PDB file of all heavy atoms in Angstrom:
ATOM      1  N   GLN A   1       1.915 -58.257 -48.063  1.00  0.00           N
ATOM      2  CA  GLN A   1       0.534 -58.724 -48.187  1.00  0.00           C
ATOM      3  C   GLN A   1      -0.070 -59.115 -46.847  1.00  0.00           C
ATOM      4  O   GLN A   1      -1.286 -59.129 -46.678  1.00  0.00           O
ATOM      5  CB  GLN A   1       0.465 -59.916 -49.138  1.00  0.00           C
ATOM      6  CG  GLN A   1       1.198 -61.155 -48.616  1.00  0.00           C
ATOM      7  CD  GLN A   1       0.958 -62.370 -49.485  1.00  0.00           C
ATOM      8  OE1 GLN A   1       0.052 -62.382 -50.303  1.00  0.00           O
ATOM      9  NE2 GLN A   1       1.778 -63.384 -49.330  1.00  0.00           N
ATOM     10  N   HIS A   2       0.793 -59.451 -45.877  1.00  0.00           N
ATOM     11  CA  HIS A   2       0.318 -59.887 -44.566  1.00  0.00           C
ATOM     12  C   HIS A   2       0.057 -58.729 -43.611  1.00  0.00           C
ATOM     13  O   HIS A   2      -0.760 -58.870 -42.682  1.00  0.00           O
ATOM     14  CB  HIS A   2       1.334 -60.834 -43.923  1.00  0.00           C
ATOM     15  CG  HIS A   2       1.529 -62.103 -44.684  1.00  0.00           C
ATOM     16  ND1 HIS A   2       2.724 -62.785 -44.683  1.00  0.00           N
ATOM     17  CD2 HIS A   2       0.701 -62.799 -45.498  1.00  0.00           C
ATOM     18  CE1 HIS A   2       2.610 -63.866 -45.456  1.00  0.00           C
ATOM     19  NE2 HIS A   2       1.388 -63.882 -45.955  1.00  0.00           N
ATOM     20  N   CYS A   3       0.734 -57.622 -43.791  1.00  0.00           N
ATOM     21  CA  CYS A   3       0.661 -56.571 -42.767  1.00  0.00           C
ATOM     22  C   CYS A   3       0.210 -55.207 -43.270  1.00  0.00           C
ATOM     23  O   CYS A   3      -0.077 -54.325 -42.459  1.00  0.00           O
ATOM     24  CB  CYS A   3       2.014 -56.440 -42.061  1.00  0.00           C
ATOM     25  SG  CYS A   3       3.378 -55.929 -43.135  1.00  0.00           S
ATOM     26  N   ILE A   4       0.115 -55.001 -44.593  1.00  0.00           N
ATOM     27  CA  ILE A   4      -0.176 -53.666 -45.095  1.00  0.00           C
ATOM     28  C   ILE A   4      -1.540 -53.162 -44.627  1.00  0.00           C
ATOM     29  O   ILE A   4      -1.677 -52.018 -44.182  1.00  0.00           O
ATOM     30  CB  ILE A   4      -0.063 -53.632 -46.649  1.00  0.00           C
ATOM     31  CG1 ILE A   4      -0.285 -52.214 -47.165  1.00  0.00           C
ATOM     32  CG2 ILE A   4      -1.030 -54.600 -47.299  1.00  0.00           C
ATOM     33  CD1 ILE A   4       0.760 -51.230 -46.739  1.00  0.00           C
ATOM     34  N   LEU A   5      -2.569 -54.000 -44.703  1.00  0.00           N
ATOM     35  CA  LEU A   5      -3.902 -53.545 -44.315  1.00  0.00           C
ATOM     36  C   LEU A   5      -4.036 -53.374 -42.805  1.00  0.00           C
ATOM     37  O   LEU A   5      -4.746 -52.484 -42.334  1.00  0.00           O
ATOM     38  CB  LEU A   5      -4.965 -54.511 -44.836  1.00  0.00           C
ATOM     39  CG  LEU A   5      -5.230 -54.427 -46.334  1.00  0.00           C
ATOM     40  CD1 LEU A   5      -6.289 -55.445 -46.746  1.00  0.00           C
ATOM     41  CD2 LEU A   5      -5.688 -53.031 -46.733  1.00  0.00           C
ATOM     42  N   VAL A   6      -3.351 -54.219 -42.052  1.00  0.00           N
ATOM     43  CA  VAL A   6      -3.354 -54.062 -40.594  1.00  0.00           C
ATOM     44  C   VAL A   6      -2.754 -52.709 -40.229  1.00  0.00           C
ATOM     45  O   VAL A   6      -3.277 -51.989 -39.364  1.00  0.00           O
ATOM     46  CB  VAL A   6      -2.564 -55.204 -39.926  1.00  0.00           C
ATOM     47  CG1 VAL A   6      -2.462 -54.978 -38.422  1.00  0.00           C
ATOM     48  CG2 VAL A   6      -3.223 -56.549 -40.202  1.00  0.00           C
ATOM     49  N   THR A   7      -1.670 -52.343 -40.909  1.00  0.00           N
ATOM     50  CA  THR A   7      -1.028 -51.052 -40.671  1.00  0.00           C
ATOM     51  C   THR A   7      -1.953 -49.900 -41.035  1.00  0.00           C
ATOM     52  O   THR A   7      -2.080 -48.917 -40.295  1.00  0.00           O
ATOM     53  CB  THR A   7       0.272 -50.945 -41.482  1.00  0.00           C
ATOM     54  OG1 THR A   7       1.137 -52.032 -41.148  1.00  0.00           O
ATOM     55  CG2 THR A   7       0.983 -49.633 -41.197  1.00  0.00           C
ATOM     56  N   ILE A   8      -2.624 -50.007 -42.168  1.00  0.00           N
ATOM     57  CA  ILE A   8      -3.540 -48.948 -42.619  1.00  0.00           C
ATOM     58  C   ILE A   8      -4.699 -48.780 -41.643  1.00  0.00           C
ATOM     59  O   ILE A   8      -5.080 -47.654 -41.287  1.00  0.00           O
ATOM     60  CB  ILE A   8      -4.058 -49.261 -44.036  1.00  0.00           C
ATOM     61  CG1 ILE A   8      -2.919 -49.122 -45.052  1.00  0.00           C
ATOM     62  CG2 ILE A   8      -5.219 -48.331 -44.405  1.00  0.00           C
ATOM     63  CD1 ILE A   8      -3.295 -49.587 -46.441  1.00  0.00           C
ATOM     64  N   ILE A   9      -5.275 -49.900 -41.193  1.00  0.00           N
ATOM     65  CA  ILE A   9      -6.394 -49.840 -40.245  1.00  0.00           C
ATOM     66  C   ILE A   9      -5.959 -49.178 -38.943  1.00  0.00           C
ATOM     67  O   ILE A   9      -6.670 -48.329 -38.386  1.00  0.00           O
ATOM     68  CB  ILE A   9      -6.942 -51.250 -39.983  1.00  0.00           C
ATOM     69  CG1 ILE A   9      -7.655 -51.775 -41.239  1.00  0.00           C
ATOM     70  CG2 ILE A   9      -7.895 -51.263 -38.780  1.00  0.00           C
ATOM     71  CD1 ILE A   9      -7.928 -53.257 -41.206  1.00  0.00           C
ATOM     72  N   ALA A  10      -4.783 -49.556 -38.453  1.00  0.00           N
ATOM     73  CA  ALA A  10      -4.264 -48.951 -37.222  1.00  0.00           C
ATOM     74  C   ALA A  10      -4.054 -47.447 -37.399  1.00  0.00           C
ATOM     75  O   ALA A  10      -4.413 -46.649 -36.518  1.00  0.00           O
ATOM     76  CB  ALA A  10      -2.961 -49.628 -36.822  1.00  0.00           C
ATOM     77  N   MET A  11      -3.516 -47.048 -38.543  1.00  0.00           N
ATOM     78  CA  MET A  11      -3.280 -45.626 -38.803  1.00  0.00           C
ATOM     79  C   MET A  11      -4.588 -44.850 -38.894  1.00  0.00           C
ATOM     80  O   MET A  11      -4.704 -43.742 -38.367  1.00  0.00           O
ATOM     81  CB  MET A  11      -2.469 -45.466 -40.088  1.00  0.00           C
ATOM     82  CG  MET A  11      -1.030 -45.942 -39.978  1.00  0.00           C
ATOM     83  SD  MET A  11      -0.137 -45.819 -41.545  1.00  0.00           S
ATOM     84  CE  MET A  11      -0.181 -44.046 -41.827  1.00  0.00           C
ATOM     85  N   LEU A  12      -5.600 -45.430 -39.549  1.00  0.00           N
ATOM     86  CA  LEU A  12      -6.902 -44.771 -39.653  1.00  0.00           C
ATOM     87  C   LEU A  12      -7.530 -44.597 -38.273  1.00  0.00           C
ATOM     88  O   LEU A  12      -8.143 -43.551 -37.983  1.00  0.00           O
ATOM     89  CB  LEU A  12      -7.829 -45.574 -40.560  1.00  0.00           C
ATOM     90  CG  LEU A  12      -7.508 -45.540 -42.058  1.00  0.00           C
ATOM     91  CD1 LEU A  12      -8.420 -46.498 -42.819  1.00  0.00           C
ATOM     92  CD2 LEU A  12      -7.637 -44.124 -42.613  1.00  0.00           C
ATOM     93  N   ALA A  13      -7.393 -45.615 -37.425  1.00  0.00           N
ATOM     94  CA  ALA A  13      -7.945 -45.522 -36.069  1.00  0.00           C
ATOM     95  C   ALA A  13      -7.225 -44.441 -35.267  1.00  0.00           C
ATOM     96  O   ALA A  13      -7.858 -43.688 -34.510  1.00  0.00           O
ATOM     97  CB  ALA A  13      -7.834 -46.872 -35.370  1.00  0.00           C
ATOM     98  N   ILE A  14      -5.918 -44.342 -35.423  1.00  0.00           N
ATOM     99  CA  ILE A  14      -5.144 -43.314 -34.709  1.00  0.00           C
ATOM    100  C   ILE A  14      -5.518 -41.923 -35.209  1.00  0.00           C
ATOM    101  O   ILE A  14      -5.708 -40.989 -34.422  1.00  0.00           O
ATOM    102  CB  ILE A  14      -3.634 -43.577 -34.883  1.00  0.00           C
ATOM    103  CG1 ILE A  14      -3.243 -44.867 -34.142  1.00  0.00           C
ATOM    104  CG2 ILE A  14      -2.817 -42.396 -34.351  1.00  0.00           C
ATOM    105  CD1 ILE A  14      -1.843 -45.352 -34.447  1.00  0.00           C
ATOM    106  N   ILE A  15      -5.640 -41.772 -36.527  1.00  0.00           N
ATOM    107  CA  ILE A  15      -6.047 -40.481 -37.097  1.00  0.00           C
ATOM    108  C   ILE A  15      -7.436 -40.089 -36.603  1.00  0.00           C
ATOM    109  O   ILE A  15      -7.679 -38.940 -36.217  1.00  0.00           O
ATOM    110  CB  ILE A  15      -6.013 -40.545 -38.641  1.00  0.00           C
ATOM    111  CG1 ILE A  15      -4.567 -40.654 -39.141  1.00  0.00           C
ATOM    112  CG2 ILE A  15      -6.695 -39.314 -39.248  1.00  0.00           C
ATOM    113  CD1 ILE A  15      -4.450 -40.961 -40.622  1.00  0.00           C
ATOM    114  N   ALA A  16      -8.362 -41.064 -36.607  1.00  0.00           N
ATOM    115  CA  ALA A  16      -9.716 -40.791 -36.128  1.00  0.00           C
ATOM    116  C   ALA A  16      -9.708 -40.351 -34.670  1.00  0.00           C
ATOM    117  O   ALA A  16     -10.497 -39.473 -34.270  1.00  0.00           O
ATOM    118  CB  ALA A  16     -10.590 -42.037 -36.307  1.00  0.00           C
ATOM    119  N   TYR A  17      -8.819 -40.935 -33.873  1.00  0.00           N
ATOM    120  CA  TYR A  17      -8.737 -40.568 -32.460  1.00  0.00           C
ATOM    121  C   TYR A  17      -8.263 -39.128 -32.286  1.00  0.00           C
ATOM    122  O   TYR A  17      -8.850 -38.352 -31.517  1.00  0.00           O
ATOM    123  CB  TYR A  17      -7.800 -41.529 -31.733  1.00  0.00           C
ATOM    124  CG  TYR A  17      -7.556 -41.159 -30.295  1.00  0.00           C
ATOM    125  CD1 TYR A  17      -8.546 -41.373 -29.325  1.00  0.00           C
ATOM    126  CD2 TYR A  17      -6.361 -40.572 -29.896  1.00  0.00           C
ATOM    127  CE1 TYR A  17      -8.336 -41.015 -28.002  1.00  0.00           C
ATOM    128  CE2 TYR A  17      -6.141 -40.206 -28.578  1.00  0.00           C
ATOM    129  CZ  TYR A  17      -7.129 -40.435 -27.629  1.00  0.00           C
ATOM    130  OH  TYR A  17      -6.936 -40.079 -26.319  1.00  0.00           O
ATOM    131  N   PHE A  18      -7.209 -38.756 -33.014  1.00  0.00           N
ATOM    132  CA  PHE A  18      -6.646 -37.419 -32.837  1.00  0.00           C
ATOM    133  C   PHE A  18      -7.519 -36.319 -33.448  1.00  0.00           C
ATOM    134  O   PHE A  18      -7.455 -35.170 -33.023  1.00  0.00           O
ATOM    135  CB  PHE A  18      -5.230 -37.356 -33.425  1.00  0.00           C
ATOM    136  CG  PHE A  18      -4.190 -37.973 -32.531  1.00  0.00           C
ATOM    137  CD1 PHE A  18      -3.626 -39.193 -32.840  1.00  0.00           C
ATOM    138  CD2 PHE A  18      -3.799 -37.345 -31.353  1.00  0.00           C
ATOM    139  CE1 PHE A  18      -2.680 -39.769 -32.012  1.00  0.00           C
ATOM    140  CE2 PHE A  18      -2.857 -37.917 -30.514  1.00  0.00           C
ATOM    141  CZ  PHE A  18      -2.291 -39.131 -30.841  1.00  0.00           C
ATOM    142  N   PHE A  19      -8.349 -36.677 -34.426  1.00  0.00           N
ATOM    143  CA  PHE A  19      -9.230 -35.690 -35.039  1.00  0.00           C
ATOM    144  C   PHE A  19     -10.696 -35.936 -34.667  1.00  0.00           C
ATOM    145  O   PHE A  19     -11.599 -35.480 -35.365  1.00  0.00           O
ATOM    146  CB  PHE A  19      -9.066 -35.717 -36.564  1.00  0.00           C
ATOM    147  CG  PHE A  19      -7.735 -35.201 -37.031  1.00  0.00           C
ATOM    148  CD1 PHE A  19      -6.671 -36.062 -37.239  1.00  0.00           C
ATOM    149  CD2 PHE A  19      -7.546 -33.836 -37.245  1.00  0.00           C
ATOM    150  CE1 PHE A  19      -5.446 -35.587 -37.665  1.00  0.00           C
ATOM    151  CE2 PHE A  19      -6.321 -33.352 -37.676  1.00  0.00           C
ATOM    152  CZ  PHE A  19      -5.262 -34.218 -37.877  1.00  0.00           C
ATOM    153  N   ASP A  20     -10.891 -36.616 -33.561  1.00  0.00           N
ATOM    154  CA  ASP A  20     -12.234 -37.027 -33.145  1.00  0.00           C
ATOM    155  C   ASP A  20     -13.200 -35.842 -33.058  1.00  0.00           C
ATOM    156  O   ASP A  20     -14.316 -35.907 -33.571  1.00  0.00           O
ATOM    157  CB  ASP A  20     -12.159 -37.748 -31.799  1.00  0.00           C
ATOM    158  CG  ASP A  20     -13.500 -38.297 -31.363  1.00  0.00           C
ATOM    159  OD1 ASP A  20     -13.815 -39.445 -31.709  1.00  0.00           O
ATOM    160  OD2 ASP A  20     -14.248 -37.566 -30.677  1.00  0.00           O
ATOM    161  N   ASP A  21     -12.786 -34.776 -32.418  1.00  0.00           N
ATOM    162  CA  ASP A  21     -13.674 -33.629 -32.211  1.00  0.00           C
ATOM    163  C   ASP A  21     -14.124 -33.007 -33.529  1.00  0.00           C
ATOM    164  O   ASP A  21     -15.234 -32.478 -33.630  1.00  0.00           O
ATOM    165  CB  ASP A  21     -12.987 -32.565 -31.349  1.00  0.00           C
ATOM    166  CG  ASP A  21     -12.804 -33.020 -29.908  1.00  0.00           C
ATOM    167  OD1 ASP A  21     -13.539 -33.943 -29.488  1.00  0.00           O
ATOM    168  OD2 ASP A  21     -11.934 -32.464 -29.220  1.00  0.00           O
ATOM    169  N   ALA A  22     -13.252 -33.090 -34.546  1.00  0.00           N
ATOM    170  CA  ALA A  22     -13.539 -32.427 -35.812  1.00  0.00           C
ATOM    171  C   ALA A  22     -14.388 -33.276 -36.758  1.00  0.00           C
ATOM    172  O   ALA A  22     -15.161 -32.732 -37.549  1.00  0.00           O
ATOM    173  CB  ALA A  22     -12.229 -32.030 -36.497  1.00  0.00           C
ATOM    174  N   ILE A  23     -14.257 -34.617 -36.670  1.00  0.00           N
ATOM    175  CA  ILE A  23     -14.882 -35.453 -37.704  1.00  0.00           C
ATOM    176  C   ILE A  23     -15.850 -36.512 -37.180  1.00  0.00           C
ATOM    177  O   ILE A  23     -16.584 -37.113 -37.970  1.00  0.00           O
ATOM    178  CB  ILE A  23     -13.802 -36.152 -38.563  1.00  0.00           C
ATOM    179  CG1 ILE A  23     -12.963 -37.107 -37.703  1.00  0.00           C
ATOM    180  CG2 ILE A  23     -12.926 -35.137 -39.266  1.00  0.00           C
ATOM    181  CD1 ILE A  23     -11.932 -37.901 -38.503  1.00  0.00           C
ATOM    182  N   SER A  24     -15.865 -36.759 -35.885  1.00  0.00           N
ATOM    183  CA  SER A  24     -16.681 -37.870 -35.364  1.00  0.00           C
ATOM    184  C   SER A  24     -18.174 -37.671 -35.632  1.00  0.00           C
ATOM    185  O   SER A  24     -18.900 -38.635 -35.894  1.00  0.00           O
ATOM    186  CB  SER A  24     -16.441 -38.065 -33.865  1.00  0.00           C
ATOM    187  OG  SER A  24     -16.838 -36.921 -33.134  1.00  0.00           O
ATOM    188  N   ASP A  25     -18.646 -36.425 -35.582  1.00  0.00           N
ATOM    189  CA  ASP A  25     -20.075 -36.183 -35.814  1.00  0.00           C
ATOM    190  C   ASP A  25     -20.516 -36.618 -37.205  1.00  0.00           C
ATOM    191  O   ASP A  25     -21.693 -36.937 -37.421  1.00  0.00           O
ATOM    192  CB  ASP A  25     -20.390 -34.695 -35.632  1.00  0.00           C
ATOM    193  CG  ASP A  25     -20.380 -34.278 -34.170  1.00  0.00           C
ATOM    194  OD1 ASP A  25     -20.422 -35.173 -33.307  1.00  0.00           O
ATOM    195  OD2 ASP A  25     -20.327 -33.064 -33.892  1.00  0.00           O
ATOM    196  N   LEU A  26     -19.573 -36.670 -38.128  1.00  0.00           N
ATOM    197  CA  LEU A  26     -19.903 -37.041 -39.501  1.00  0.00           C
ATOM    198  C   LEU A  26     -19.790 -38.536 -39.757  1.00  0.00           C
ATOM    199  O   LEU A  26     -20.457 -39.065 -40.640  1.00  0.00           O
ATOM    200  CB  LEU A  26     -18.982 -36.291 -40.477  1.00  0.00           C
ATOM    201  CG  LEU A  26     -19.204 -36.513 -41.977  1.00  0.00           C
ATOM    202  CD1 LEU A  26     -20.610 -36.071 -42.384  1.00  0.00           C
ATOM    203  CD2 LEU A  26     -18.155 -35.776 -42.791  1.00  0.00           C
ATOM    204  N   PHE A  27     -18.956 -39.231 -38.964  1.00  0.00           N
ATOM    205  CA  PHE A  27     -18.618 -40.608 -39.304  1.00  0.00           C
ATOM    206  C   PHE A  27     -19.018 -41.671 -38.279  1.00  0.00           C
ATOM    207  O   PHE A  27     -19.048 -42.856 -38.599  1.00  0.00           O
ATOM    208  CB  PHE A  27     -17.108 -40.716 -39.552  1.00  0.00           C
ATOM    209  CG  PHE A  27     -16.626 -39.973 -40.761  1.00  0.00           C
ATOM    210  CD1 PHE A  27     -15.833 -38.849 -40.631  1.00  0.00           C
ATOM    211  CD2 PHE A  27     -16.997 -40.384 -42.035  1.00  0.00           C
ATOM    212  CE1 PHE A  27     -15.397 -38.154 -41.750  1.00  0.00           C
ATOM    213  CE2 PHE A  27     -16.561 -39.709 -43.162  1.00  0.00           C
ATOM    214  CZ  PHE A  27     -15.754 -38.579 -43.017  1.00  0.00           C
ATOM    215  N   VAL A  28     -19.298 -41.303 -37.045  1.00  0.00           N
ATOM    216  CA  VAL A  28     -19.595 -42.290 -36.001  1.00  0.00           C
ATOM    217  C   VAL A  28     -20.926 -42.990 -36.268  1.00  0.00           C
ATOM    218  O   VAL A  28     -21.869 -42.385 -36.781  1.00  0.00           O
ATOM    219  CB  VAL A  28     -19.605 -41.600 -34.622  1.00  0.00           C
ATOM    220  CG1 VAL A  28     -20.289 -42.472 -33.566  1.00  0.00           C
ATOM    221  CG2 VAL A  28     -18.184 -41.290 -34.178  1.00  0.00           C
ATOM    222  N   TYR A  29     -20.983 -44.279 -35.897  1.00  0.00           N
ATOM    223  CA  TYR A  29     -22.246 -45.036 -35.982  1.00  0.00           C
ATOM    224  C   TYR A  29     -23.275 -44.392 -35.060  1.00  0.00           C
ATOM    225  O   TYR A  29     -23.090 -44.349 -33.841  1.00  0.00           O
ATOM    226  CB  TYR A  29     -22.009 -46.491 -35.570  1.00  0.00           C
ATOM    227  CG  TYR A  29     -23.274 -47.340 -35.496  1.00  0.00           C
ATOM    228  CD1 TYR A  29     -23.593 -48.239 -36.502  1.00  0.00           C
ATOM    229  CD2 TYR A  29     -24.141 -47.246 -34.406  1.00  0.00           C
ATOM    230  CE1 TYR A  29     -24.747 -49.025 -36.434  1.00  0.00           C
ATOM    231  CE2 TYR A  29     -25.296 -48.012 -34.329  1.00  0.00           C
ATOM    232  CZ  TYR A  29     -25.591 -48.896 -35.347  1.00  0.00           C
ATOM    233  OH  TYR A  29     -26.734 -49.657 -35.274  1.00  0.00           O
ATOM    234  N   GLN A  30     -24.363 -43.909 -35.652  1.00  0.00           N
ATOM    235  CA  GLN A  30     -25.494 -43.396 -34.891  1.00  0.00           C
ATOM    236  C   GLN A  30     -26.771 -43.935 -35.527  1.00  0.00           C
ATOM    237  O   GLN A  30     -27.039 -43.684 -36.705  1.00  0.00           O
ATOM    238  CB  GLN A  30     -25.508 -41.860 -34.880  1.00  0.00           C
ATOM    239  CG  GLN A  30     -24.357 -41.258 -34.094  1.00  0.00           C
ATOM    240  CD  GLN A  30     -24.481 -39.757 -33.914  1.00  0.00           C
ATOM    241  OE1 GLN A  30     -25.597 -39.232 -33.856  1.00  0.00           O
ATOM    242  NE2 GLN A  30     -23.365 -39.074 -33.823  1.00  0.00           N
ATOM    243  N   HIS A  31     -27.528 -44.679 -34.750  1.00  0.00           N
ATOM    244  CA  HIS A  31     -28.684 -45.402 -35.264  1.00  0.00           C
ATOM    245  C   HIS A  31     -29.660 -44.478 -35.984  1.00  0.00           C
ATOM    246  O   HIS A  31     -30.120 -44.786 -37.101  1.00  0.00           O
ATOM    247  CB  HIS A  31     -29.383 -46.112 -34.110  1.00  0.00           C
ATOM    248  CG  HIS A  31     -30.503 -47.013 -34.547  1.00  0.00           C
ATOM    249  ND1 HIS A  31     -31.781 -46.552 -34.816  1.00  0.00           N
ATOM    250  CD2 HIS A  31     -30.531 -48.353 -34.774  1.00  0.00           C
ATOM    251  CE1 HIS A  31     -32.542 -47.561 -35.180  1.00  0.00           C
ATOM    252  NE2 HIS A  31     -31.818 -48.668 -35.164  1.00  0.00           N
ATOM    253  N   GLN A  32     -29.973 -43.351 -35.387  1.00  0.00           N
ATOM    254  CA  GLN A  32     -30.965 -42.457 -35.972  1.00  0.00           C
ATOM    255  C   GLN A  32     -30.500 -41.906 -37.317  1.00  0.00           C
ATOM    256  O   GLN A  32     -31.276 -41.853 -38.284  1.00  0.00           O
ATOM    257  CB  GLN A  32     -31.265 -41.295 -35.019  1.00  0.00           C
ATOM    258  CG  GLN A  32     -32.317 -40.331 -35.559  1.00  0.00           C
ATOM    259  CD  GLN A  32     -32.637 -39.217 -34.574  1.00  0.00           C
ATOM    260  OE1 GLN A  32     -32.148 -39.209 -33.449  1.00  0.00           O
ATOM    261  NE2 GLN A  32     -33.455 -38.272 -34.998  1.00  0.00           N
ATOM    262  N   LEU A  33     -29.235 -41.499 -37.414  1.00  0.00           N
ATOM    263  CA  LEU A  33     -28.732 -40.914 -38.647  1.00  0.00           C
ATOM    264  C   LEU A  33     -28.583 -41.969 -39.746  1.00  0.00           C
ATOM    265  O   LEU A  33     -28.784 -41.675 -40.929  1.00  0.00           O
ATOM    266  CB  LEU A  33     -27.396 -40.215 -38.386  1.00  0.00           C
ATOM    267  CG  LEU A  33     -27.488 -38.999 -37.466  1.00  0.00           C
ATOM    268  CD1 LEU A  33     -26.112 -38.425 -37.188  1.00  0.00           C
ATOM    269  CD2 LEU A  33     -28.397 -37.927 -38.064  1.00  0.00           C
ATOM    270  N   ILE A  34     -28.259 -43.192 -39.357  1.00  0.00           N
ATOM    271  CA  ILE A  34     -28.197 -44.278 -40.342  1.00  0.00           C
ATOM    272  C   ILE A  34     -29.589 -44.538 -40.909  1.00  0.00           C
ATOM    273  O   ILE A  34     -29.761 -44.748 -42.113  1.00  0.00           O
ATOM    274  CB  ILE A  34     -27.608 -45.553 -39.709  1.00  0.00           C
ATOM    275  CG1 ILE A  34     -26.128 -45.341 -39.393  1.00  0.00           C
ATOM    276  CG2 ILE A  34     -27.774 -46.753 -40.653  1.00  0.00           C
ATOM    277  CD1 ILE A  34     -25.512 -46.457 -38.569  1.00  0.00           C
ATOM    278  N   SER A  35     -30.591 -44.500 -40.040  1.00  0.00           N
ATOM    279  CA  SER A  35     -31.972 -44.717 -40.494  1.00  0.00           C
ATOM    280  C   SER A  35     -32.430 -43.611 -41.438  1.00  0.00           C
ATOM    281  O   SER A  35     -33.378 -43.800 -42.211  1.00  0.00           O
ATOM    282  CB  SER A  35     -32.918 -44.801 -39.290  1.00  0.00           C
ATOM    283  OG  SER A  35     -33.008 -43.555 -38.620  1.00  0.00           O
ATOM    284  N   GLN A  36     -31.745 -42.473 -41.405  1.00  0.00           N
ATOM    285  CA  GLN A  36     -32.072 -41.363 -42.288  1.00  0.00           C
ATOM    286  C   GLN A  36     -31.259 -41.395 -43.583  1.00  0.00           C
ATOM    287  O   GLN A  36     -31.352 -40.477 -44.388  1.00  0.00           O
ATOM    288  CB  GLN A  36     -31.848 -40.034 -41.558  1.00  0.00           C
ATOM    289  CG  GLN A  36     -32.796 -39.830 -40.379  1.00  0.00           C
ATOM    290  CD  GLN A  36     -32.455 -38.607 -39.549  1.00  0.00           C
ATOM    291  OE1 GLN A  36     -31.530 -37.854 -39.877  1.00  0.00           O
ATOM    292  NE2 GLN A  36     -33.189 -38.398 -38.471  1.00  0.00           N
ATOM    293  N   GLY A  37     -30.460 -42.452 -43.758  1.00  0.00           N
ATOM    294  CA  GLY A  37     -29.748 -42.632 -45.019  1.00  0.00           C
ATOM    295  C   GLY A  37     -28.251 -42.453 -44.975  1.00  0.00           C
ATOM    296  O   GLY A  37     -27.586 -42.629 -46.002  1.00  0.00           O
ATOM    297  N   GLU A  38     -27.675 -42.135 -43.827  1.00  0.00           N
ATOM    298  CA  GLU A  38     -26.222 -41.944 -43.740  1.00  0.00           C
ATOM    299  C   GLU A  38     -25.539 -43.296 -43.526  1.00  0.00           C
ATOM    300  O   GLU A  38     -24.969 -43.586 -42.475  1.00  0.00           O
ATOM    301  CB  GLU A  38     -25.890 -40.945 -42.628  1.00  0.00           C
ATOM    302  CG  GLU A  38     -26.477 -39.565 -42.888  1.00  0.00           C
ATOM    303  CD  GLU A  38     -26.066 -38.518 -41.875  1.00  0.00           C
ATOM    304  OE1 GLU A  38     -25.174 -38.787 -41.039  1.00  0.00           O
ATOM    305  OE2 GLU A  38     -26.636 -37.409 -41.908  1.00  0.00           O
ATOM    306  N   LEU A  39     -25.583 -44.114 -44.566  1.00  0.00           N
ATOM    307  CA  LEU A  39     -25.172 -45.513 -44.463  1.00  0.00           C
ATOM    308  C   LEU A  39     -23.669 -45.691 -44.286  1.00  0.00           C
ATOM    309  O   LEU A  39     -23.227 -46.742 -43.811  1.00  0.00           O
ATOM    310  CB  LEU A  39     -25.644 -46.279 -45.706  1.00  0.00           C
ATOM    311  CG  LEU A  39     -27.152 -46.302 -45.943  1.00  0.00           C
ATOM    312  CD1 LEU A  39     -27.476 -47.105 -47.198  1.00  0.00           C
ATOM    313  CD2 LEU A  39     -27.892 -46.879 -44.736  1.00  0.00           C
ATOM    314  N   TRP A  40     -22.866 -44.707 -44.679  1.00  0.00           N
ATOM    315  CA  TRP A  40     -21.417 -44.844 -44.538  1.00  0.00           C
ATOM    316  C   TRP A  40     -21.008 -45.027 -43.074  1.00  0.00           C
ATOM    317  O   TRP A  40     -19.958 -45.603 -42.792  1.00  0.00           O
ATOM    318  CB  TRP A  40     -20.709 -43.621 -45.124  1.00  0.00           C
ATOM    319  CG  TRP A  40     -21.005 -42.331 -44.432  1.00  0.00           C
ATOM    320  CD1 TRP A  40     -20.367 -41.823 -43.333  1.00  0.00           C
ATOM    321  CD2 TRP A  40     -22.025 -41.389 -44.771  1.00  0.00           C
ATOM    322  NE1 TRP A  40     -20.921 -40.619 -42.969  1.00  0.00           N
ATOM    323  CE2 TRP A  40     -21.943 -40.320 -43.838  1.00  0.00           C
ATOM    324  CE3 TRP A  40     -22.985 -41.326 -45.781  1.00  0.00           C
ATOM    325  CZ2 TRP A  40     -22.793 -39.219 -43.883  1.00  0.00           C
ATOM    326  CZ3 TRP A  40     -23.829 -40.229 -45.827  1.00  0.00           C
ATOM    327  CH2 TRP A  40     -23.730 -39.193 -44.897  1.00  0.00           C
ATOM    328  N   ARG A  41     -21.841 -44.582 -42.168  1.00  0.00           N
ATOM    329  CA  ARG A  41     -21.522 -44.697 -40.749  1.00  0.00           C
ATOM    330  C   ARG A  41     -21.437 -46.156 -40.297  1.00  0.00           C
ATOM    331  O   ARG A  41     -20.786 -46.460 -39.296  1.00  0.00           O
ATOM    332  CB  ARG A  41     -22.579 -43.969 -39.908  1.00  0.00           C
ATOM    333  CG  ARG A  41     -22.613 -42.463 -40.121  1.00  0.00           C
ATOM    334  CD  ARG A  41     -23.771 -41.827 -39.359  1.00  0.00           C
ATOM    335  NE  ARG A  41     -23.841 -40.384 -39.561  1.00  0.00           N
ATOM    336  CZ  ARG A  41     -23.193 -39.497 -38.800  1.00  0.00           C
ATOM    337  NH1 ARG A  41     -22.450 -39.910 -37.795  1.00  0.00           N
ATOM    338  NH2 ARG A  41     -23.322 -38.209 -39.045  1.00  0.00           N
ATOM    339  N   THR A  42     -22.101 -47.055 -41.026  1.00  0.00           N
ATOM    340  CA  THR A  42     -22.050 -48.479 -40.666  1.00  0.00           C
ATOM    341  C   THR A  42     -20.645 -49.037 -40.834  1.00  0.00           C
ATOM    342  O   THR A  42     -20.315 -50.081 -40.264  1.00  0.00           O
ATOM    343  CB  THR A  42     -23.026 -49.298 -41.525  1.00  0.00           C
ATOM    344  OG1 THR A  42     -22.669 -49.162 -42.908  1.00  0.00           O
ATOM    345  CG2 THR A  42     -24.457 -48.818 -41.328  1.00  0.00           C
TER     346      THR A  42
END
């Protein structure tokens, strides 16, 4: 209960780093795209 979510967050960050070129355009915080309704980026 103390470490499971910390481990998951670290793994997600590592996965995002290695697949950055493929997925960052869809998920990164971008002010203009958020204003157009892509709220998941927040």
